[in-house]
Amino acid sequence: MSELELSAECHKTAKKIIKIAEIRGLTSGRGPTGVCAAAIYAASILSEERRTQRAIAKTSQVTEVTVRNRFQELIENLDLGIKGRQSSN
């Protein structure tokens, strides 16, 4: 995440999202890198340090589609306070 230049608070938020997703079974059958990338994307939005799905995908070495799909699963199943689809830019 250091390549994305995100704050320690954003890192902490991403870790919390991942932990909650694990507890709720949202990571089962999912690649850990994709889940982490989606959590980073969500955390960047919540901490108002938004990075694009493209930048996060590139840094995480997953596809933008993976980030988008895992992100949608997170916001549909966790109460993150993020509404609807977020554009990738």
Protein backbone atom coordinates (compact mmCIF):
# COMPACT_ATOMS: atom_id res chain seq x y z
CA MET A 1 0.00 0.00 0.00
CA SER A 2 2.97 2.32 0.35
CA GLU A 3 3.08 2.78 -3.43
CA LEU A 4 -0.43 4.23 -3.19
CA GLU A 5 0.71 6.71 -0.52
CA LEU A 6 -2.20 6.04 1.82
CA SER A 7 -2.25 7.11 5.45
CA ALA A 8 -1.88 4.85 8.48
CA GLU A 9 -5.56 5.48 9.21
CA CYS A 10 -6.49 4.18 5.76
CA HIS A 11 -4.33 1.07 6.37
CA LYS A 12 -6.14 0.49 9.66
CA THR A 13 -9.54 0.87 7.99
CA ALA A 14 -8.61 -1.63 5.26
CA LYS A 15 -7.51 -4.15 7.90
CA LYS A 16 -10.81 -3.73 9.77
CA ILE A 17 -12.77 -4.28 6.55
CA ILE A 18 -10.80 -7.46 5.82
CA LYS A 19 -11.32 -8.77 9.35
CA ILE A 20 -15.09 -8.17 9.20
CA ALA A 21 -15.26 -9.76 5.73
CA GLU A 22 -13.45 -12.84 7.07
CA ILE A 23 -15.81 -13.11 10.06
CA ARG A 24 -18.84 -12.89 7.76
CA GLY A 25 -17.47 -15.50 5.36
CA LEU A 26 -17.04 -13.12 2.42
CA THR A 27 -13.49 -14.25 1.78
CA SER A 28 -14.32 -17.94 1.39
CA GLY A 29 -13.46 -19.08 -2.12
CA ARG A 30 -12.03 -15.69 -3.02
CA GLY A 31 -8.43 -14.87 -3.78
CA PRO A 32 -6.92 -13.02 -0.83
CA THR A 33 -5.22 -10.45 -3.05
CA GLY A 34 -8.51 -9.45 -4.67
CA VAL A 35 -10.26 -9.12 -1.31
CA CYS A 36 -7.39 -7.03 0.04
CA ALA A 37 -7.41 -4.81 -3.05
CA ALA A 38 -11.15 -4.21 -2.67
CA ALA A 39 -10.72 -3.43 1.02
CA ILE A 40 -8.00 -0.93 0.17
CA TYR A 41 -10.28 0.68 -2.42
CA ALA A 42 -13.14 0.91 0.09
CA ALA A 43 -10.82 2.27 2.78
CA SER A 44 -9.46 4.89 0.40
CA ILE A 45 -13.00 6.11 -0.25
CA LEU A 46 -13.94 6.12 3.44
CA SER A 47 -10.78 7.97 4.45
CA GLU A 48 -11.25 10.50 1.63
CA GLU A 49 -7.92 9.46 0.10
CA ARG A 50 -9.56 7.90 -2.93
CA ARG A 51 -7.41 6.00 -5.37
CA THR A 52 -8.68 4.57 -8.63
CA GLN A 53 -9.53 0.92 -9.06
CA ARG A 54 -6.93 0.90 -11.83
CA ALA A 55 -4.14 2.15 -9.53
CA ILE A 56 -5.06 -0.33 -6.80
CA ALA A 57 -5.36 -3.20 -9.29
CA LYS A 58 -1.96 -2.40 -10.79
CA THR A 59 -0.28 -2.17 -7.39
CA SER A 60 -2.00 -5.35 -6.16
CA GLN A 61 -1.40 -7.23 -9.42
CA VAL A 62 -5.05 -8.13 -9.91
CA THR A 63 -7.47 -6.98 -12.61
CA GLU A 64 -9.73 -3.96 -12.29
CA VAL A 65 -12.66 -6.34 -12.73
CA THR A 66 -11.53 -8.28 -9.65
CA VAL A 67 -11.28 -5.09 -7.59
CA ARG A 68 -14.70 -3.96 -8.81
CA ASN A 69 -16.40 -7.32 -8.16
CA ARG A 70 -14.91 -7.82 -4.69
CA PHE A 71 -15.71 -4.19 -3.82
CA GLN A 72 -19.35 -4.67 -4.84
CA GLU A 73 -19.52 -7.77 -2.65
CA LEU A 74 -18.11 -5.81 0.29
CA ILE A 75 -20.53 -2.90 0.00
CA GLU A 76 -23.51 -5.21 -0.54
CA ASN A 77 -22.71 -7.32 2.52
CA LEU A 78 -21.06 -4.94 4.96
CA ASP A 79 -22.42 -1.68 6.31
CA LEU A 80 -19.54 0.49 5.13
CA GLY A 81 -21.57 3.60 4.45
CA ILE A 82 -20.70 3.50 0.75
CA LYS A 83 -23.68 3.66 -1.59
CA GLY A 84 -24.09 2.04 -5.01
CA ARG A 85 -21.50 1.61 -7.67
CA GLN A 86 -18.38 3.72 -7.49
CA SER A 87 -16.75 4.65 -10.77
CA SER A 88 -13.22 3.44 -11.37
CA ASN A 89 -11.78 6.93 -11.92
